[in-house]
Amino acid sequence: LVCPLSKKPLRYEASTHELINEELGIAYPIIDGIPNMIP
């Protein structure tokens, strides 16, 4: 998985169940184990 906007790797944050793009400062939610990668 990569960020759909920057194409950079993402970091998983277990406490918030999100995929984080540090460079852009955005977090993608994970719902029922499925990342929602819609910007």
PDB file of all heavy atoms in Angstrom:
ATOM      1  N   LEU A   1       0.821  -1.207   0.000  1.00  0.00           N
ATOM      2  CA  LEU A   1       0.000   0.000   0.000  1.00  0.00           C
ATOM      3  C   LEU A   1       0.857   1.259   0.000  1.00  0.00           C
ATOM      4  O   LEU A   1       1.852   1.338   0.717  1.00  0.00           O
ATOM      5  CB  LEU A   1      -0.916   0.017   1.228  1.00  0.00           C
ATOM      6  CG  LEU A   1      -1.988  -1.059   1.284  1.00  0.00           C
ATOM      7  CD1 LEU A   1      -2.724  -0.993   2.604  1.00  0.00           C
ATOM      8  CD2 LEU A   1      -2.953  -0.911   0.130  1.00  0.00           C
ATOM      9  N   VAL A   2       0.444   2.232  -0.786  1.00  0.00           N
ATOM     10  CA  VAL A   2       1.069   3.553  -0.787  1.00  0.00           C
ATOM     11  C   VAL A   2      -0.035   4.597  -0.782  1.00  0.00           C
ATOM     12  O   VAL A   2      -1.184   4.305  -1.116  1.00  0.00           O
ATOM     13  CB  VAL A   2       1.995   3.772  -2.012  1.00  0.00           C
ATOM     14  CG1 VAL A   2       3.182   2.822  -1.982  1.00  0.00           C
ATOM     15  CG2 VAL A   2       1.232   3.647  -3.309  1.00  0.00           C
ATOM     16  N   CYS A   3       0.322   5.801  -0.404  1.00  0.00           N
ATOM     17  CA  CYS A   3      -0.644   6.892  -0.421  1.00  0.00           C
ATOM     18  C   CYS A   3      -1.076   7.150  -1.860  1.00  0.00           C
ATOM     19  O   CYS A   3      -0.229   7.288  -2.749  1.00  0.00           O
ATOM     20  CB  CYS A   3      -0.009   8.139   0.185  1.00  0.00           C
ATOM     21  SG  CYS A   3      -1.080   9.589   0.113  1.00  0.00           S
ATOM     22  N   PRO A   4      -2.367   7.235  -2.124  1.00  0.00           N
ATOM     23  CA  PRO A   4      -2.817   7.482  -3.495  1.00  0.00           C
ATOM     24  C   PRO A   4      -2.469   8.884  -4.004  1.00  0.00           C
ATOM     25  O   PRO A   4      -2.433   9.098  -5.212  1.00  0.00           O
ATOM     26  CB  PRO A   4      -4.331   7.291  -3.426  1.00  0.00           C
ATOM     27  CG  PRO A   4      -4.687   7.420  -1.996  1.00  0.00           C
ATOM     28  CD  PRO A   4      -3.484   7.038  -1.205  1.00  0.00           C
ATOM     29  N   LEU A   5      -2.178   9.806  -3.097  1.00  0.00           N
ATOM     30  CA  LEU A   5      -1.843  11.166  -3.518  1.00  0.00           C
ATOM     31  C   LEU A   5      -0.348  11.345  -3.791  1.00  0.00           C
ATOM     32  O   LEU A   5       0.047  11.876  -4.818  1.00  0.00           O
ATOM     33  CB  LEU A   5      -2.302  12.168  -2.462  1.00  0.00           C
ATOM     34  CG  LEU A   5      -3.807  12.206  -2.206  1.00  0.00           C
ATOM     35  CD1 LEU A   5      -4.125  13.124  -1.037  1.00  0.00           C
ATOM     36  CD2 LEU A   5      -4.540  12.649  -3.455  1.00  0.00           C
ATOM     37  N   SER A   6       0.488  10.889  -2.850  1.00  0.00           N
ATOM     38  CA  SER A   6       1.929  11.122  -2.987  1.00  0.00           C
ATOM     39  C   SER A   6       2.702   9.898  -3.462  1.00  0.00           C
ATOM     40  O   SER A   6       3.881  10.012  -3.789  1.00  0.00           O
ATOM     41  CB  SER A   6       2.511  11.565  -1.642  1.00  0.00           C
ATOM     42  OG  SER A   6       2.471  10.486  -0.710  1.00  0.00           O
ATOM     43  N   LYS A   7       2.067   8.741  -3.466  1.00  0.00           N
ATOM     44  CA  LYS A   7       2.704   7.466  -3.830  1.00  0.00           C
ATOM     45  C   LYS A   7       3.838   7.100  -2.880  1.00  0.00           C
ATOM     46  O   LYS A   7       4.730   6.341  -3.213  1.00  0.00           O
ATOM     47  CB  LYS A   7       3.231   7.487  -5.278  1.00  0.00           C
ATOM     48  CG  LYS A   7       2.235   7.938  -6.318  1.00  0.00           C
ATOM     49  CD  LYS A   7       1.007   7.070  -6.356  1.00  0.00           C
ATOM     50  CE  LYS A   7       0.112   7.452  -7.505  1.00  0.00           C
ATOM     51  NZ  LYS A   7      -1.168   7.960  -7.121  1.00  0.00           N
ATOM     52  N   LYS A   8       3.802   7.616  -1.661  1.00  0.00           N
ATOM     53  CA  LYS A   8       4.807   7.336  -0.626  1.00  0.00           C
ATOM     54  C   LYS A   8       4.287   6.241   0.304  1.00  0.00           C
ATOM     55  O   LYS A   8       3.085   6.057   0.450  1.00  0.00           O
ATOM     56  CB  LYS A   8       5.108   8.598   0.203  1.00  0.00           C
ATOM     57  CG  LYS A   8       5.611   9.766  -0.608  1.00  0.00           C
ATOM     58  CD  LYS A   8       7.043   9.553  -0.991  1.00  0.00           C
ATOM     59  CE  LYS A   8       7.499  10.781  -1.766  1.00  0.00           C
ATOM     60  NZ  LYS A   8       8.851  10.733  -2.157  1.00  0.00           N
ATOM     61  N   PRO A   9       5.198   5.527   0.987  1.00  0.00           N
ATOM     62  CA  PRO A   9       4.763   4.495   1.936  1.00  0.00           C
ATOM     63  C   PRO A   9       3.966   5.090   3.088  1.00  0.00           C
ATOM     64  O   PRO A   9       4.089   6.266   3.419  1.00  0.00           O
ATOM     65  CB  PRO A   9       6.076   3.905   2.457  1.00  0.00           C
ATOM     66  CG  PRO A   9       7.122   4.350   1.514  1.00  0.00           C
ATOM     67  CD  PRO A   9       6.638   5.606   0.864  1.00  0.00           C
ATOM     68  N   LEU A  10       3.156   4.238   3.701  1.00  0.00           N
ATOM     69  CA  LEU A  10       2.310   4.650   4.811  1.00  0.00           C
ATOM     70  C   LEU A  10       2.759   3.945   6.084  1.00  0.00           C
ATOM     71  O   LEU A  10       3.378   2.889   6.038  1.00  0.00           O
ATOM     72  CB  LEU A  10       0.849   4.296   4.518  1.00  0.00           C
ATOM     73  CG  LEU A  10       0.247   4.981   3.294  1.00  0.00           C
ATOM     74  CD1 LEU A  10      -1.038   4.304   2.892  1.00  0.00           C
ATOM     75  CD2 LEU A  10       0.027   6.445   3.573  1.00  0.00           C
ATOM     76  N   ARG A  11       2.415   4.530   7.224  1.00  0.00           N
ATOM     77  CA  ARG A  11       2.725   3.954   8.531  1.00  0.00           C
ATOM     78  C   ARG A  11       1.402   3.583   9.183  1.00  0.00           C
ATOM     79  O   ARG A  11       0.448   4.355   9.175  1.00  0.00           O
ATOM     80  CB  ARG A  11       3.479   4.989   9.381  1.00  0.00           C
ATOM     81  CG  ARG A  11       3.748   4.523  10.812  1.00  0.00           C
ATOM     82  CD  ARG A  11       4.511   5.586  11.600  1.00  0.00           C
ATOM     83  NE  ARG A  11       3.825   6.858  11.706  1.00  0.00           N
ATOM     84  CZ  ARG A  11       2.871   7.135  12.600  1.00  0.00           C
ATOM     85  NH1 ARG A  11       2.471   6.225  13.448  1.00  0.00           N
ATOM     86  NH2 ARG A  11       2.314   8.331  12.637  1.00  0.00           N
ATOM     87  N   TYR A  12       1.365   2.388   9.803  1.00  0.00           N
ATOM     88  CA  TYR A  12       0.153   1.934  10.484  1.00  0.00           C
ATOM     89  C   TYR A  12       0.171   2.422  11.923  1.00  0.00           C
ATOM     90  O   TYR A  12       1.130   2.203  12.653  1.00  0.00           O
ATOM     91  CB  TYR A  12       0.066   0.409  10.444  1.00  0.00           C
ATOM     92  CG  TYR A  12      -1.073  -0.162  11.249  1.00  0.00           C
ATOM     93  CD1 TYR A  12      -2.381   0.233  11.021  1.00  0.00           C
ATOM     94  CD2 TYR A  12      -0.846  -1.100  12.234  1.00  0.00           C
ATOM     95  CE1 TYR A  12      -3.432  -0.294  11.749  1.00  0.00           C
ATOM     96  CE2 TYR A  12      -1.886  -1.645  12.970  1.00  0.00           C
ATOM     97  CZ  TYR A  12      -3.174  -1.233  12.727  1.00  0.00           C
ATOM     98  OH  TYR A  12      -4.206  -1.754  13.455  1.00  0.00           O
ATOM     99  N   GLU A  13      -0.885   3.097  12.337  1.00  0.00           N
ATOM    100  CA  GLU A  13      -1.050   3.547  13.722  1.00  0.00           C
ATOM    101  C   GLU A  13      -2.130   2.691  14.359  1.00  0.00           C
ATOM    102  O   GLU A  13      -3.322   2.867  14.093  1.00  0.00           O
ATOM    103  CB  GLU A  13      -1.430   5.026  13.753  1.00  0.00           C
ATOM    104  CG  GLU A  13      -1.589   5.593  15.140  1.00  0.00           C
ATOM    105  CD  GLU A  13      -0.311   5.483  15.962  1.00  0.00           C
ATOM    106  OE1 GLU A  13       0.766   5.831  15.446  1.00  0.00           O
ATOM    107  OE2 GLU A  13      -0.422   5.039  17.124  1.00  0.00           O
ATOM    108  N   ALA A  14      -1.695   1.733  15.205  1.00  0.00           N
ATOM    109  CA  ALA A  14      -2.634   0.770  15.789  1.00  0.00           C
ATOM    110  C   ALA A  14      -3.610   1.423  16.764  1.00  0.00           C
ATOM    111  O   ALA A  14      -4.755   0.997  16.870  1.00  0.00           O
ATOM    112  CB  ALA A  14      -1.866  -0.344  16.489  1.00  0.00           C
ATOM    113  N   SER A  15      -3.175   2.465  17.468  1.00  0.00           N
ATOM    114  CA  SER A  15      -4.048   3.081  18.472  1.00  0.00           C
ATOM    115  C   SER A  15      -5.269   3.770  17.851  1.00  0.00           C
ATOM    116  O   SER A  15      -6.325   3.827  18.461  1.00  0.00           O
ATOM    117  CB  SER A  15      -3.264   4.080  19.321  1.00  0.00           C
ATOM    118  OG  SER A  15      -2.790   5.141  18.520  1.00  0.00           O
ATOM    119  N   THR A  16      -5.126   4.288  16.642  1.00  0.00           N
ATOM    120  CA  THR A  16      -6.246   4.963  15.982  1.00  0.00           C
ATOM    121  C   THR A  16      -6.801   4.177  14.802  1.00  0.00           C
ATOM    122  O   THR A  16      -7.766   4.610  14.178  1.00  0.00           O
ATOM    123  CB  THR A  16      -5.812   6.358  15.477  1.00  0.00           C
ATOM    124  OG1 THR A  16      -4.721   6.194  14.566  1.00  0.00           O
ATOM    125  CG2 THR A  16      -5.423   7.261  16.626  1.00  0.00           C
ATOM    126  N   HIS A  17      -6.195   3.039  14.471  1.00  0.00           N
ATOM    127  CA  HIS A  17      -6.591   2.214  13.320  1.00  0.00           C
ATOM    128  C   HIS A  17      -6.589   3.057  12.045  1.00  0.00           C
ATOM    129  O   HIS A  17      -7.586   3.130  11.331  1.00  0.00           O
ATOM    130  CB  HIS A  17      -7.952   1.553  13.530  1.00  0.00           C
ATOM    131  CG  HIS A  17      -7.991   0.670  14.718  1.00  0.00           C
ATOM    132  ND1 HIS A  17      -7.334  -0.532  14.790  1.00  0.00           N
ATOM    133  CD2 HIS A  17      -8.592   0.819  15.917  1.00  0.00           C
ATOM    134  CE1 HIS A  17      -7.534  -1.082  15.960  1.00  0.00           C
ATOM    135  NE2 HIS A  17      -8.292  -0.284  16.672  1.00  0.00           N
ATOM    136  N   GLU A  18      -5.445   3.683  11.777  1.00  0.00           N
ATOM    137  CA  GLU A  18      -5.307   4.523  10.594  1.00  0.00           C
ATOM    138  C   GLU A  18      -3.975   4.261   9.919  1.00  0.00           C
ATOM    139  O   GLU A  18      -3.022   3.809  10.551  1.00  0.00           O
ATOM    140  CB  GLU A  18      -5.376   6.005  10.978  1.00  0.00           C
ATOM    141  CG  GLU A  18      -6.710   6.437  11.527  1.00  0.00           C
ATOM    142  CD  GLU A  18      -6.703   7.876  11.997  1.00  0.00           C
ATOM    143  OE1 GLU A  18      -5.705   8.317  12.603  1.00  0.00           O
ATOM    144  OE2 GLU A  18      -7.716   8.563  11.766  1.00  0.00           O
ATOM    145  N   LEU A  19      -3.929   4.565   8.624  1.00  0.00           N
ATOM    146  CA  LEU A  19      -2.683   4.562   7.877  1.00  0.00           C
ATOM    147  C   LEU A  19      -2.254   6.010   7.727  1.00  0.00           C
ATOM    148  O   LEU A  19      -3.026   6.848   7.247  1.00  0.00           O
ATOM    149  CB  LEU A  19      -2.864   3.900   6.508  1.00  0.00           C
ATOM    150  CG  LEU A  19      -3.227   2.424   6.543  1.00  0.00           C
ATOM    151  CD1 LEU A  19      -3.420   1.889   5.133  1.00  0.00           C
ATOM    152  CD2 LEU A  19      -2.156   1.619   7.257  1.00  0.00           C
ATOM    153  N   ILE A  20      -1.034   6.312   8.149  1.00  0.00           N
ATOM    154  CA  ILE A  20      -0.564   7.689   8.239  1.00  0.00           C
ATOM    155  C   ILE A  20       0.428   7.985   7.124  1.00  0.00           C
ATOM    156  O   ILE A  20       1.363   7.216   6.890  1.00  0.00           O
ATOM    157  CB  ILE A  20       0.128   7.938   9.600  1.00  0.00           C
ATOM    158  CG1 ILE A  20      -0.750   7.475  10.767  1.00  0.00           C
ATOM    159  CG2 ILE A  20       0.565   9.389   9.737  1.00  0.00           C
ATOM    160  CD1 ILE A  20      -1.997   8.255  10.968  1.00  0.00           C
ATOM    161  N   ASN A  21       0.239   9.127   6.476  1.00  0.00           N
ATOM    162  CA  ASN A  21       1.230   9.682   5.560  1.00  0.00           C
ATOM    163  C   ASN A  21       1.814  10.892   6.275  1.00  0.00           C
ATOM    164  O   ASN A  21       1.184  11.953   6.355  1.00  0.00           O
ATOM    165  CB  ASN A  21       0.577  10.092   4.238  1.00  0.00           C
ATOM    166  CG  ASN A  21       1.569  10.684   3.262  1.00  0.00           C
ATOM    167  OD1 ASN A  21       2.531  11.337   3.634  1.00  0.00           O
ATOM    168  ND2 ASN A  21       1.314  10.462   1.990  1.00  0.00           N
ATOM    169  N   GLU A  22       3.023  10.723   6.823  1.00  0.00           N
ATOM    170  CA  GLU A  22       3.662  11.791   7.597  1.00  0.00           C
ATOM    171  C   GLU A  22       3.973  13.001   6.731  1.00  0.00           C
ATOM    172  O   GLU A  22       3.861  14.144   7.173  1.00  0.00           O
ATOM    173  CB  GLU A  22       4.951  11.269   8.247  1.00  0.00           C
ATOM    174  CG  GLU A  22       4.732  10.191   9.276  1.00  0.00           C
ATOM    175  CD  GLU A  22       4.128  10.719  10.565  1.00  0.00           C
ATOM    176  OE1 GLU A  22       4.087  11.937  10.794  1.00  0.00           O
ATOM    177  OE2 GLU A  22       3.673   9.862  11.351  1.00  0.00           O
ATOM    178  N   GLU A  23       4.383  12.760   5.492  1.00  0.00           N
ATOM    179  CA  GLU A  23       4.781  13.847   4.596  1.00  0.00           C
ATOM    180  C   GLU A  23       3.638  14.823   4.326  1.00  0.00           C
ATOM    181  O   GLU A  23       3.811  16.036   4.396  1.00  0.00           O
ATOM    182  CB  GLU A  23       5.298  13.258   3.278  1.00  0.00           C
ATOM    183  CG  GLU A  23       5.809  14.281   2.306  1.00  0.00           C
ATOM    184  CD  GLU A  23       6.317  13.618   1.038  1.00  0.00           C
ATOM    185  OE1 GLU A  23       7.308  12.871   1.122  1.00  0.00           O
ATOM    186  OE2 GLU A  23       5.701  13.851  -0.020  1.00  0.00           O
ATOM    187  N   LEU A  24       2.459  14.290   4.031  1.00  0.00           N
ATOM    188  CA  LEU A  24       1.300  15.141   3.742  1.00  0.00           C
ATOM    189  C   LEU A  24       0.487  15.470   4.983  1.00  0.00           C
ATOM    190  O   LEU A  24      -0.366  16.350   4.945  1.00  0.00           O
ATOM    191  CB  LEU A  24       0.397  14.478   2.698  1.00  0.00           C
ATOM    192  CG  LEU A  24       0.984  14.268   1.307  1.00  0.00           C
ATOM    193  CD1 LEU A  24      -0.022  13.589   0.404  1.00  0.00           C
ATOM    194  CD2 LEU A  24       1.442  15.590   0.710  1.00  0.00           C
ATOM    195  N   GLY A  25       0.714  14.717   6.062  1.00  0.00           N
ATOM    196  CA  GLY A  25      -0.031  14.963   7.288  1.00  0.00           C
ATOM    197  C   GLY A  25      -1.477  14.522   7.215  1.00  0.00           C
ATOM    198  O   GLY A  25      -2.368  15.207   7.696  1.00  0.00           O
ATOM    199  N   ILE A  26      -1.703  13.365   6.606  1.00  0.00           N
ATOM    200  CA  ILE A  26      -3.061  12.854   6.501  1.00  0.00           C
ATOM    201  C   ILE A  26      -3.120  11.417   7.030  1.00  0.00           C
ATOM    202  O   ILE A  26      -2.124  10.701   7.041  1.00  0.00           O
ATOM    203  CB  ILE A  26      -3.617  12.912   5.055  1.00  0.00           C
ATOM    204  CG1 ILE A  26      -2.702  12.168   4.084  1.00  0.00           C
ATOM    205  CG2 ILE A  26      -3.831  14.331   4.614  1.00  0.00           C
ATOM    206  CD1 ILE A  26      -3.223  12.145   2.665  1.00  0.00           C
ATOM    207  N   ALA A  27      -4.312  11.029   7.485  1.00  0.00           N
ATOM    208  CA  ALA A  27      -4.544   9.691   8.035  1.00  0.00           C
ATOM    209  C   ALA A  27      -5.743   9.073   7.336  1.00  0.00           C
ATOM    210  O   ALA A  27      -6.816   9.669   7.283  1.00  0.00           O
ATOM    211  CB  ALA A  27      -4.782   9.771   9.529  1.00  0.00           C
ATOM    212  N   TYR A  28      -5.536   7.870   6.790  1.00  0.00           N
ATOM    213  CA  TYR A  28      -6.606   7.132   6.134  1.00  0.00           C
ATOM    214  C   TYR A  28      -7.215   6.161   7.144  1.00  0.00           C
ATOM    215  O   TYR A  28      -6.489   5.401   7.777  1.00  0.00           O
ATOM    216  CB  TYR A  28      -6.072   6.346   4.932  1.00  0.00           C
ATOM    217  CG  TYR A  28      -5.545   7.227   3.828  1.00  0.00           C
ATOM    218  CD1 TYR A  28      -4.186   7.482   3.703  1.00  0.00           C
ATOM    219  CD2 TYR A  28      -6.412   7.803   2.912  1.00  0.00           C
ATOM    220  CE1 TYR A  28      -3.698   8.292   2.689  1.00  0.00           C
ATOM    221  CE2 TYR A  28      -5.936   8.617   1.893  1.00  0.00           C
ATOM    222  CZ  TYR A  28      -4.580   8.853   1.791  1.00  0.00           C
ATOM    223  OH  TYR A  28      -4.108   9.662   0.795  1.00  0.00           O
ATOM    224  N   PRO A  29      -8.540   6.133   7.303  1.00  0.00           N
ATOM    225  CA  PRO A  29      -9.163   5.232   8.286  1.00  0.00           C
ATOM    226  C   PRO A  29      -9.132   3.776   7.819  1.00  0.00           C
ATOM    227  O   PRO A  29      -9.120   3.498   6.619  1.00  0.00           O
ATOM    228  CB  PRO A  29     -10.601   5.742   8.366  1.00  0.00           C
ATOM    229  CG  PRO A  29     -10.851   6.347   7.027  1.00  0.00           C
ATOM    230  CD  PRO A  29      -9.538   6.943   6.593  1.00  0.00           C
ATOM    231  N   ILE A  30      -9.101   2.877   8.789  1.00  0.00           N
ATOM    232  CA  ILE A  30      -9.215   1.447   8.508  1.00  0.00           C
ATOM    233  C   ILE A  30     -10.541   1.005   9.128  1.00  0.00           C
ATOM    234  O   ILE A  30     -10.743   1.129  10.324  1.00  0.00           O
ATOM    235  CB  ILE A  30      -8.047   0.660   9.109  1.00  0.00           C
ATOM    236  CG1 ILE A  30      -6.745   1.129   8.468  1.00  0.00           C
ATOM    237  CG2 ILE A  30      -8.249  -0.837   8.920  1.00  0.00           C
ATOM    238  CD1 ILE A  30      -5.505   0.542   9.092  1.00  0.00           C
ATOM    239  N   ILE A  31     -11.439   0.506   8.281  1.00  0.00           N
ATOM    240  CA  ILE A  31     -12.771   0.116   8.721  1.00  0.00           C
ATOM    241  C   ILE A  31     -12.933  -1.381   8.510  1.00  0.00           C
ATOM    242  O   ILE A  31     -12.806  -1.867   7.384  1.00  0.00           O
ATOM    243  CB  ILE A  31     -13.849   0.902   7.945  1.00  0.00           C
ATOM    244  CG1 ILE A  31     -13.622   2.391   8.141  1.00  0.00           C
ATOM    245  CG2 ILE A  31     -15.244   0.481   8.377  1.00  0.00           C
ATOM    246  CD1 ILE A  31     -14.355   3.276   7.186  1.00  0.00           C
ATOM    247  N   ASP A  32     -13.192  -2.107   9.587  1.00  0.00           N
ATOM    248  CA  ASP A  32     -13.333  -3.563   9.539  1.00  0.00           C
ATOM    249  C   ASP A  32     -12.131  -4.232   8.881  1.00  0.00           C
ATOM    250  O   ASP A  32     -12.273  -5.172   8.102  1.00  0.00           O
ATOM    251  CB  ASP A  32     -14.614  -3.974   8.815  1.00  0.00           C
ATOM    252  CG  ASP A  32     -15.859  -3.639   9.596  1.00  0.00           C
ATOM    253  OD1 ASP A  32     -15.771  -3.600  10.842  1.00  0.00           O
ATOM    254  OD2 ASP A  32     -16.911  -3.418   8.980  1.00  0.00           O
ATOM    255  N   GLY A  33     -10.941  -3.712   9.152  1.00  0.00           N
ATOM    256  CA  GLY A  33      -9.719  -4.300   8.621  1.00  0.00           C
ATOM    257  C   GLY A  33      -9.394  -3.897   7.202  1.00  0.00           C
ATOM    258  O   GLY A  33      -8.395  -4.326   6.641  1.00  0.00           O
ATOM    259  N   ILE A  34     -10.219  -3.040   6.601  1.00  0.00           N
ATOM    260  CA  ILE A  34     -10.021  -2.627   5.210  1.00  0.00           C
ATOM    261  C   ILE A  34      -9.653  -1.146   5.172  1.00  0.00           C
ATOM    262  O   ILE A  34     -10.425  -0.303   5.626  1.00  0.00           O
ATOM    263  CB  ILE A  34     -11.295  -2.856   4.376  1.00  0.00           C
ATOM    264  CG1 ILE A  34     -11.681  -4.335   4.448  1.00  0.00           C
ATOM    265  CG2 ILE A  34     -11.095  -2.402   2.943  1.00  0.00           C
ATOM    266  CD1 ILE A  34     -13.042  -4.640   3.889  1.00  0.00           C
ATOM    267  N   PRO A  35      -8.459  -0.817   4.645  1.00  0.00           N
ATOM    268  CA  PRO A  35      -8.076   0.593   4.560  1.00  0.00           C
ATOM    269  C   PRO A  35      -8.955   1.344   3.557  1.00  0.00           C
ATOM    270  O   PRO A  35      -9.179   0.876   2.451  1.00  0.00           O
ATOM    271  CB  PRO A  35      -6.629   0.564   4.063  1.00  0.00           C
ATOM    272  CG  PRO A  35      -6.190  -0.847   4.168  1.00  0.00           C
ATOM    273  CD  PRO A  35      -7.410  -1.709   4.195  1.00  0.00           C
ATOM    274  N   ASN A  36      -9.464   2.493   3.968  1.00  0.00           N
ATOM    275  CA  ASN A  36     -10.237   3.356   3.080  1.00  0.00           C
ATOM    276  C   ASN A  36      -9.255   4.373   2.501  1.00  0.00           C
ATOM    277  O   ASN A  36      -8.940   5.370   3.126  1.00  0.00           O
ATOM    278  CB  ASN A  36     -11.356   4.054   3.850  1.00  0.00           C
ATOM    279  CG  ASN A  36     -12.254   4.870   2.956  1.00  0.00           C
ATOM    280  OD1 ASN A  36     -11.923   5.132   1.798  1.00  0.00           O
ATOM    281  ND2 ASN A  36     -13.383   5.285   3.481  1.00  0.00           N
ATOM    282  N   MET A  37      -8.782   4.106   1.302  1.00  0.00           N
ATOM    283  CA  MET A  37      -7.736   4.910   0.686  1.00  0.00           C
ATOM    284  C   MET A  37      -8.288   6.029  -0.198  1.00  0.00           C
ATOM    285  O   MET A  37      -7.570   6.585  -1.017  1.00  0.00           O
ATOM    286  CB  MET A  37      -6.808   4.000  -0.135  1.00  0.00           C
ATOM    287  CG  MET A  37      -6.203   2.856   0.655  1.00  0.00           C
ATOM    288  SD  MET A  37      -5.098   3.405   1.944  1.00  0.00           S
ATOM    289  CE  MET A  37      -3.743   3.974   0.973  1.00  0.00           C
ATOM    290  N   ILE A  38      -9.521   6.384  -0.026  1.00  0.00           N
ATOM    291  CA  ILE A  38     -10.113   7.483  -0.782  1.00  0.00           C
ATOM    292  C   ILE A  38      -9.644   8.790  -0.137  1.00  0.00           C
ATOM    293  O   ILE A  38      -9.865   9.006   1.059  1.00  0.00           O
ATOM    294  CB  ILE A  38     -11.651   7.389  -0.789  1.00  0.00           C
ATOM    295  CG1 ILE A  38     -12.071   6.074  -1.434  1.00  0.00           C
ATOM    296  CG2 ILE A  38     -12.274   8.588  -1.486  1.00  0.00           C
ATOM    297  CD1 ILE A  38     -13.545   5.773  -1.308  1.00  0.00           C
ATOM    298  N   PRO A  39      -8.986   9.667  -0.881  1.00  0.00           N
ATOM    299  CA  PRO A  39      -8.454  10.902  -0.292  1.00  0.00           C
ATOM    300  C   PRO A  39      -9.498  11.734   0.454  1.00  0.00           C
ATOM    301  O   PRO A  39      -9.190  12.328   1.481  1.00  0.00           O
ATOM    302  CB  PRO A  39      -7.888  11.660  -1.493  1.00  0.00           C
ATOM    303  CG  PRO A  39      -7.518  10.576  -2.456  1.00  0.00           C
ATOM    304  CD  PRO A  39      -8.577   9.515  -2.283  1.00  0.00           C
TER     305      PRO A  39
END
